[in-house]
């Protein structure tokens, strides 16, 4: 012990050395655990494959079905075509005699659906139309239904052995006598108005 050093200063110095050693050990342990985790990342499945964020369905344009396209007849006026197909998604000032119907539907876990239909007019009436392969209305609705189909319906009937086991299990609880409920106490309340009050 130094003659000029007080015991409290020695204790403080020891404590500071101990804190430095512990912090170095914690740093080394953290570094070791991080390198171990980095090595395990290649062997363990990532959480990205297990959990995916919800993405909303995105629909753009008009749904045009095969039945609607079959209803189009050459010589129809523009308003009648609009009544059958709806308003076109694309119209151009430079191509006033052409209406384009474009439909896209994006849903998580399904391939992108995209279809196009172009309607051509001459002298204000329908001349012709060009379209991709269009689904029928039933096919389109079926493509939207993505609920998982149960492979086998659950069994809703019990076998004789299951019924017998159920009865045996419940007979043990049926032999204990049931305690009748206690009668409700009769409660009387004082009158709301004091006696002799003027009404």
C-alpha atoms as a PDB file:
ATOM      1  CA  UNK A   1       0.000   0.000   0.000  1.00  0.00           C
ATOM      2  CA  UNK A   2       1.314   3.403  -0.955  1.00  0.00           C
ATOM      3  CA  UNK A   3       1.683   5.799   1.956  1.00  0.00           C
ATOM      4  CA  UNK A   4      -0.118   8.553   0.002  1.00  0.00           C
ATOM      5  CA  UNK A   5      -2.995   6.383  -1.277  1.00  0.00           C
ATOM      6  CA  UNK A   6      -6.113   6.183   0.854  1.00  0.00           C
ATOM      7  CA  UNK A   7      -7.976   2.857   1.227  1.00  0.00           C
ATOM      8  CA  UNK A   8     -11.083   4.279  -0.482  1.00  0.00           C
ATOM      9  CA  UNK A   9      -9.038   5.194  -3.573  1.00  0.00           C
ATOM     10  CA  UNK A  10      -7.627   1.665  -3.742  1.00  0.00           C
ATOM     11  CA  UNK A  11     -11.129   0.186  -3.554  1.00  0.00           C
ATOM     12  CA  UNK A  12     -12.308   2.556  -6.281  1.00  0.00           C
ATOM     13  CA  UNK A  13      -9.379   1.585  -8.512  1.00  0.00           C
ATOM     14  CA  UNK A  14     -10.083  -2.135  -8.006  1.00  0.00           C
ATOM     15  CA  UNK A  15     -13.757  -1.608  -8.808  1.00  0.00           C
ATOM     16  CA  UNK A  16     -12.893   0.243 -12.029  1.00  0.00           C
ATOM     17  CA  UNK A  17     -10.535  -2.562 -13.112  1.00  0.00           C
ATOM     18  CA  UNK A  18     -13.248  -5.126 -12.394  1.00  0.00           C
ATOM     19  CA  UNK A  19     -15.795  -3.135 -14.422  1.00  0.00           C
ATOM     20  CA  UNK A  20     -13.329  -2.919 -17.349  1.00  0.00           C
ATOM     21  CA  UNK A  21     -12.746  -6.671 -17.242  1.00  0.00           C
ATOM     22  CA  UNK A  22     -16.479  -7.444 -17.113  1.00  0.00           C
ATOM     23  CA  UNK A  23     -17.216  -5.068 -20.004  1.00  0.00           C
ATOM     24  CA  UNK A  24     -14.444  -6.656 -22.098  1.00  0.00           C
ATOM     25  CA  UNK A  25     -15.821 -10.134 -21.322  1.00  0.00           C
ATOM     26  CA  UNK A  26     -19.362  -9.013 -22.245  1.00  0.00           C
ATOM     27  CA  UNK A  27     -18.078  -7.564 -25.508  1.00  0.00           C
ATOM     28  CA  UNK A  28     -16.266 -10.796 -26.359  1.00  0.00           C
ATOM     29  CA  UNK A  29     -19.347 -12.860 -25.502  1.00  0.00           C
ATOM     30  CA  UNK A  30     -21.503 -10.640 -27.715  1.00  0.00           C
ATOM     31  CA  UNK A  31     -19.030 -10.909 -30.573  1.00  0.00           C
ATOM     32  CA  UNK A  32     -18.880 -14.697 -30.206  1.00  0.00           C
ATOM     33  CA  UNK A  33     -22.667 -15.015 -30.195  1.00  0.00           C
ATOM     34  CA  UNK A  34     -23.009 -12.810 -33.281  1.00  0.00           C
ATOM     35  CA  UNK A  35     -20.491 -14.853 -35.237  1.00  0.00           C
ATOM     36  CA  UNK A  36     -22.246 -18.034 -34.146  1.00  0.00           C
ATOM     37  CA  UNK A  37     -25.584 -16.632 -35.320  1.00  0.00           C
ATOM     38  CA  UNK A  38     -24.064 -15.623 -38.646  1.00  0.00           C
ATOM     39  CA  UNK A  39     -22.840 -19.178 -39.159  1.00  0.00           C
ATOM     40  CA  UNK A  40     -26.244 -20.639 -38.301  1.00  0.00           C
ATOM     41  CA  UNK A  41     -28.039 -18.372 -40.761  1.00  0.00           C
ATOM     42  CA  UNK A  42     -27.107 -20.628 -43.660  1.00  0.00           C
ATOM     43  CA  UNK A  43     -28.350 -23.780 -41.957  1.00  0.00           C
ATOM     44  CA  UNK A  44     -31.602 -22.535 -40.351  1.00  0.00           C
ATOM     45  CA  UNK A  45     -34.735 -21.524 -42.295  1.00  0.00           C
ATOM     46  CA  UNK A  46     -35.245 -17.799 -42.472  1.00  0.00           C
ATOM     47  CA  UNK A  47     -38.311 -16.184 -41.003  1.00  0.00           C
ATOM     48  CA  UNK A  48     -39.067 -14.665 -44.417  1.00  0.00           C
ATOM     49  CA  UNK A  49     -40.104 -18.084 -45.692  1.00  0.00           C
ATOM     50  CA  UNK A  50     -42.357 -18.714 -42.697  1.00  0.00           C
ATOM     51  CA  UNK A  51     -44.148 -15.379 -42.354  1.00  0.00           C
ATOM     52  CA  UNK A  52     -45.189 -13.175 -45.242  1.00  0.00           C
ATOM     53  CA  UNK A  53     -46.823  -9.783 -44.879  1.00  0.00           C
ATOM     54  CA  UNK A  54     -50.394  -9.354 -46.061  1.00  0.00           C
ATOM     55  CA  UNK A  55     -50.699  -7.657 -49.428  1.00  0.00           C
ATOM     56  CA  UNK A  56     -54.026  -6.290 -50.587  1.00  0.00           C
ATOM     57  CA  UNK A  57     -55.664  -7.385 -53.824  1.00  0.00           C
ATOM     58  CA  UNK A  58     -55.112  -4.878 -56.636  1.00  0.00           C
ATOM     59  CA  UNK A  59     -57.695  -4.724 -59.412  1.00  0.00           C
ATOM     60  CA  UNK A  60     -57.405  -2.252 -62.249  1.00  0.00           C
ATOM     61  CA  UNK A  61     -59.772  -1.838 -65.147  1.00  0.00           C
ATOM     62  CA  UNK A  62     -63.027  -3.513 -66.091  1.00  0.00           C
ATOM     63  CA  UNK A  63     -63.677  -7.215 -65.854  1.00  0.00           C
ATOM     64  CA  UNK A  64     -64.764  -8.288 -69.326  1.00  0.00           C
ATOM     65  CA  UNK A  65     -66.041 -11.853 -69.585  1.00  0.00           C
ATOM     66  CA  UNK A  66     -66.589 -14.102 -72.569  1.00  0.00           C
ATOM     67  CA  UNK A  67     -70.375 -13.607 -72.288  1.00  0.00           C
ATOM     68  CA  UNK A  68     -69.992  -9.833 -72.561  1.00  0.00           C
ATOM     69  CA  UNK A  69     -67.751 -10.124 -75.616  1.00  0.00           C
ATOM     70  CA  UNK A  70     -70.239 -12.503 -77.264  1.00  0.00           C
ATOM     71  CA  UNK A  71     -72.991  -9.904 -76.748  1.00  0.00           C
ATOM     72  CA  UNK A  72     -71.131  -7.405 -78.952  1.00  0.00           C
ATOM     73  CA  UNK A  73     -72.511  -7.211 -82.477  1.00  0.00           C
ATOM     74  CA  UNK A  74     -71.231  -5.097 -85.375  1.00  0.00           C
ATOM     75  CA  UNK A  75     -73.409  -2.031 -85.941  1.00  0.00           C
ATOM     76  CA  UNK A  76     -74.069  -1.343 -82.234  1.00  0.00           C
ATOM     77  CA  UNK A  77     -73.911   2.331 -81.243  1.00  0.00           C
ATOM     78  CA  UNK A  78     -71.256   3.490 -78.768  1.00  0.00           C
ATOM     79  CA  UNK A  79     -73.725   3.846 -75.897  1.00  0.00           C
ATOM     80  CA  UNK A  80     -74.877   0.252 -76.250  1.00  0.00           C
ATOM     81  CA  UNK A  81     -71.262  -0.966 -76.217  1.00  0.00           C
ATOM     82  CA  UNK A  82     -70.674   1.145 -73.094  1.00  0.00           C
ATOM     83  CA  UNK A  83     -73.751  -0.409 -71.479  1.00  0.00           C
ATOM     84  CA  UNK A  84     -72.386  -3.920 -72.098  1.00  0.00           C
ATOM     85  CA  UNK A  85     -68.694  -3.396 -71.279  1.00  0.00           C
ATOM     86  CA  UNK A  86     -68.685  -0.323 -69.075  1.00  0.00           C
ATOM     87  CA  UNK A  87     -66.534   2.762 -69.540  1.00  0.00           C
ATOM     88  CA  UNK A  88     -63.248   2.071 -71.317  1.00  0.00           C
ATOM     89  CA  UNK A  89     -60.050   2.284 -69.311  1.00  0.00           C
ATOM     90  CA  UNK A  90     -58.189   3.972 -72.166  1.00  0.00           C
ATOM     91  CA  UNK A  91     -59.484   6.444 -74.723  1.00  0.00           C
ATOM     92  CA  UNK A  92     -57.296   8.605 -76.901  1.00  0.00           C
ATOM     93  CA  UNK A  93     -57.941  11.933 -78.600  1.00  0.00           C
ATOM     94  CA  UNK A  94     -55.794  10.734 -81.481  1.00  0.00           C
ATOM     95  CA  UNK A  95     -57.694   7.443 -81.793  1.00  0.00           C
ATOM     96  CA  UNK A  96     -61.288   8.485 -81.124  1.00  0.00           C
ATOM     97  CA  UNK A  97     -62.638   5.385 -82.856  1.00  0.00           C
ATOM     98  CA  UNK A  98     -60.852   2.953 -80.536  1.00  0.00           C
ATOM     99  CA  UNK A  99     -61.653   2.038 -76.935  1.00  0.00           C
ATOM    100  CA  UNK A 100     -59.289  -0.130 -74.921  1.00  0.00           C
ATOM    101  CA  UNK A 101     -60.417  -2.256 -71.989  1.00  0.00           C
ATOM    102  CA  UNK A 102     -57.482  -3.478 -69.921  1.00  0.00           C
ATOM    103  CA  UNK A 103     -57.958  -5.624 -66.838  1.00  0.00           C
ATOM    104  CA  UNK A 104     -55.271  -6.620 -64.340  1.00  0.00           C
ATOM    105  CA  UNK A 105     -55.757  -8.434 -61.066  1.00  0.00           C
ATOM    106  CA  UNK A 106     -52.932  -9.066 -58.627  1.00  0.00           C
ATOM    107  CA  UNK A 107     -53.449 -11.226 -55.548  1.00  0.00           C
ATOM    108  CA  UNK A 108     -50.846 -12.543 -53.162  1.00  0.00           C
ATOM    109  CA  UNK A 109     -49.975 -16.162 -53.902  1.00  0.00           C
ATOM    110  CA  UNK A 110     -51.575 -16.168 -57.368  1.00  0.00           C
ATOM    111  CA  UNK A 111     -50.195 -15.399 -60.818  1.00  0.00           C
ATOM    112  CA  UNK A 112     -51.017 -11.999 -62.297  1.00  0.00           C
ATOM    113  CA  UNK A 113     -54.221 -11.976 -64.368  1.00  0.00           C
ATOM    114  CA  UNK A 114     -54.108  -9.592 -67.299  1.00  0.00           C
ATOM    115  CA  UNK A 115     -56.486  -9.326 -70.272  1.00  0.00           C
ATOM    116  CA  UNK A 116     -57.046  -6.769 -73.029  1.00  0.00           C
ATOM    117  CA  UNK A 117     -59.958  -6.009 -75.320  1.00  0.00           C
ATOM    118  CA  UNK A 118     -59.968  -3.316 -78.002  1.00  0.00           C
ATOM    119  CA  UNK A 119     -63.191  -2.070 -79.585  1.00  0.00           C
ATOM    120  CA  UNK A 120     -63.091  -0.291 -82.966  1.00  0.00           C
ATOM    121  CA  UNK A 121     -65.819   2.041 -84.229  1.00  0.00           C
ATOM    122  CA  UNK A 122     -66.525   3.409 -87.685  1.00  0.00           C
ATOM    123  CA  UNK A 123     -69.023   6.223 -88.201  1.00  0.00           C
ATOM    124  CA  UNK A 124     -70.150   5.963 -84.568  1.00  0.00           C
ATOM    125  CA  UNK A 125     -71.061   2.254 -84.651  1.00  0.00           C
ATOM    126  CA  UNK A 126     -69.129  -0.879 -83.671  1.00  0.00           C
ATOM    127  CA  UNK A 127     -67.044  -2.238 -86.535  1.00  0.00           C
ATOM    128  CA  UNK A 128     -65.043  -5.000 -84.789  1.00  0.00           C
ATOM    129  CA  UNK A 129     -63.233  -5.932 -81.588  1.00  0.00           C
ATOM    130  CA  UNK A 130     -60.005  -7.746 -80.716  1.00  0.00           C
ATOM    131  CA  UNK A 131     -59.584  -9.570 -77.426  1.00  0.00           C
ATOM    132  CA  UNK A 132     -57.306 -11.907 -75.529  1.00  0.00           C
ATOM    133  CA  UNK A 133     -58.706 -15.254 -74.411  1.00  0.00           C
ATOM    134  CA  UNK A 134     -61.464 -14.168 -72.022  1.00  0.00           C
ATOM    135  CA  UNK A 135     -62.783 -16.332 -69.184  1.00  0.00           C
ATOM    136  CA  UNK A 136     -66.442 -17.018 -68.660  1.00  0.00           C
ATOM    137  CA  UNK A 137     -68.047 -15.383 -65.656  1.00  0.00           C
ATOM    138  CA  UNK A 138     -68.014 -18.677 -63.723  1.00  0.00           C
ATOM    139  CA  UNK A 139     -64.323 -19.226 -64.526  1.00  0.00           C
ATOM    140  CA  UNK A 140     -63.442 -15.724 -63.381  1.00  0.00           C
ATOM    141  CA  UNK A 141     -65.295 -16.119 -60.087  1.00  0.00           C
ATOM    142  CA  UNK A 142     -63.647 -19.508 -59.539  1.00  0.00           C
ATOM    143  CA  UNK A 143     -60.208 -17.946 -60.088  1.00  0.00           C
ATOM    144  CA  UNK A 144     -60.897 -15.490 -57.250  1.00  0.00           C
ATOM    145  CA  UNK A 145     -61.765 -18.210 -54.726  1.00  0.00           C
ATOM    146  CA  UNK A 146     -58.458 -19.111 -53.091  1.00  0.00           C
ATOM    147  CA  UNK A 147     -59.749 -20.638 -49.886  1.00  0.00           C
ATOM    148  CA  UNK A 148     -58.058 -23.871 -49.033  1.00  0.00           C
ATOM    149  CA  UNK A 149     -60.223 -26.836 -49.821  1.00  0.00           C
ATOM    150  CA  UNK A 150     -60.357 -29.419 -47.055  1.00  0.00           C
ATOM    151  CA  UNK A 151     -59.043 -32.696 -48.400  1.00  0.00           C
ATOM    152  CA  UNK A 152     -61.290 -34.785 -46.165  1.00  0.00           C
ATOM    153  CA  UNK A 153     -64.325 -33.610 -44.178  1.00  0.00           C
ATOM    154  CA  UNK A 154     -64.132 -34.236 -40.433  1.00  0.00           C
ATOM    155  CA  UNK A 155     -65.966 -37.259 -39.025  1.00  0.00           C
ATOM    156  CA  UNK A 156     -69.096 -36.062 -37.258  1.00  0.00           C
ATOM    157  CA  UNK A 157     -70.341 -39.438 -36.025  1.00  0.00           C
ATOM    158  CA  UNK A 158     -68.984 -41.319 -33.048  1.00  0.00           C
ATOM    159  CA  UNK A 159     -68.342 -45.044 -33.182  1.00  0.00           C
ATOM    160  CA  UNK A 160     -69.946 -47.440 -30.720  1.00  0.00           C
ATOM    161  CA  UNK A 161     -66.676 -47.721 -28.780  1.00  0.00           C
ATOM    162  CA  UNK A 162     -66.393 -43.907 -28.513  1.00  0.00           C
ATOM    163  CA  UNK A 163     -69.999 -43.623 -27.266  1.00  0.00           C
ATOM    164  CA  UNK A 164     -69.432 -46.352 -24.669  1.00  0.00           C
ATOM    165  CA  UNK A 165     -66.240 -44.681 -23.425  1.00  0.00           C
ATOM    166  CA  UNK A 166     -68.071 -41.360 -23.218  1.00  0.00           C
ATOM    167  CA  UNK A 167     -70.900 -42.908 -21.157  1.00  0.00           C
ATOM    168  CA  UNK A 168     -68.431 -44.578 -18.778  1.00  0.00           C
ATOM    169  CA  UNK A 169     -66.563 -41.331 -18.274  1.00  0.00           C
ATOM    170  CA  UNK A 170     -69.738 -39.432 -17.481  1.00  0.00           C
ATOM    171  CA  UNK A 171     -71.235 -42.070 -15.170  1.00  0.00           C
ATOM    172  CA  UNK A 172     -68.544 -41.338 -12.567  1.00  0.00           C
ATOM    173  CA  UNK A 173     -69.579 -37.696 -12.431  1.00  0.00           C
ATOM    174  CA  UNK A 174     -73.287 -38.594 -12.431  1.00  0.00           C
ATOM    175  CA  UNK A 175     -73.007 -40.650  -9.195  1.00  0.00           C
ATOM    176  CA  UNK A 176     -72.022 -37.620  -7.123  1.00  0.00           C
ATOM    177  CA  UNK A 177     -75.183 -36.041  -5.728  1.00  0.00           C
ATOM    178  CA  UNK A 178     -75.984 -32.657  -7.119  1.00  0.00           C
ATOM    179  CA  UNK A 179     -76.243 -29.891  -4.558  1.00  0.00           C
ATOM    180  CA  UNK A 180     -79.494 -27.971  -4.952  1.00  0.00           C
ATOM    181  CA  UNK A 181     -79.038 -24.246  -5.413  1.00  0.00           C
ATOM    182  CA  UNK A 182     -79.574 -22.131  -2.327  1.00  0.00           C
ATOM    183  CA  UNK A 183     -82.795 -20.128  -2.304  1.00  0.00           C
ATOM    184  CA  UNK A 184     -82.389 -16.473  -3.064  1.00  0.00           C
ATOM    185  CA  UNK A 185     -82.616 -14.308   0.062  1.00  0.00           C
ATOM    186  CA  UNK A 186     -85.665 -12.119   0.272  1.00  0.00           C
ATOM    187  CA  UNK A 187     -84.618  -8.529   0.080  1.00  0.00           C
ATOM    188  CA  UNK A 188     -86.771  -5.630   1.132  1.00  0.00           C
ATOM    189  CA  UNK A 189     -85.903  -2.090   0.270  1.00  0.00           C
ATOM    190  CA  UNK A 190     -86.982   1.045   2.124  1.00  0.00           C
ATOM    191  CA  UNK A 191     -89.514   3.253   0.355  1.00  0.00           C
ATOM    192  CA  UNK A 192     -88.081   5.906  -1.954  1.00  0.00           C
ATOM    193  CA  UNK A 193     -90.242   8.652  -0.514  1.00  0.00           C
ATOM    194  CA  UNK A 194     -90.458   9.272   3.215  1.00  0.00           C
ATOM    195  CA  UNK A 195     -93.866   8.583   4.698  1.00  0.00           C
ATOM    196  CA  UNK A 196     -96.131  11.577   4.849  1.00  0.00           C
ATOM    197  CA  UNK A 197     -94.402  13.348   1.920  1.00  0.00           C
ATOM    198  CA  UNK A 198     -96.657  15.472  -0.272  1.00  0.00           C
ATOM    199  CA  UNK A 199     -97.008  14.245  -3.806  1.00  0.00           C
END
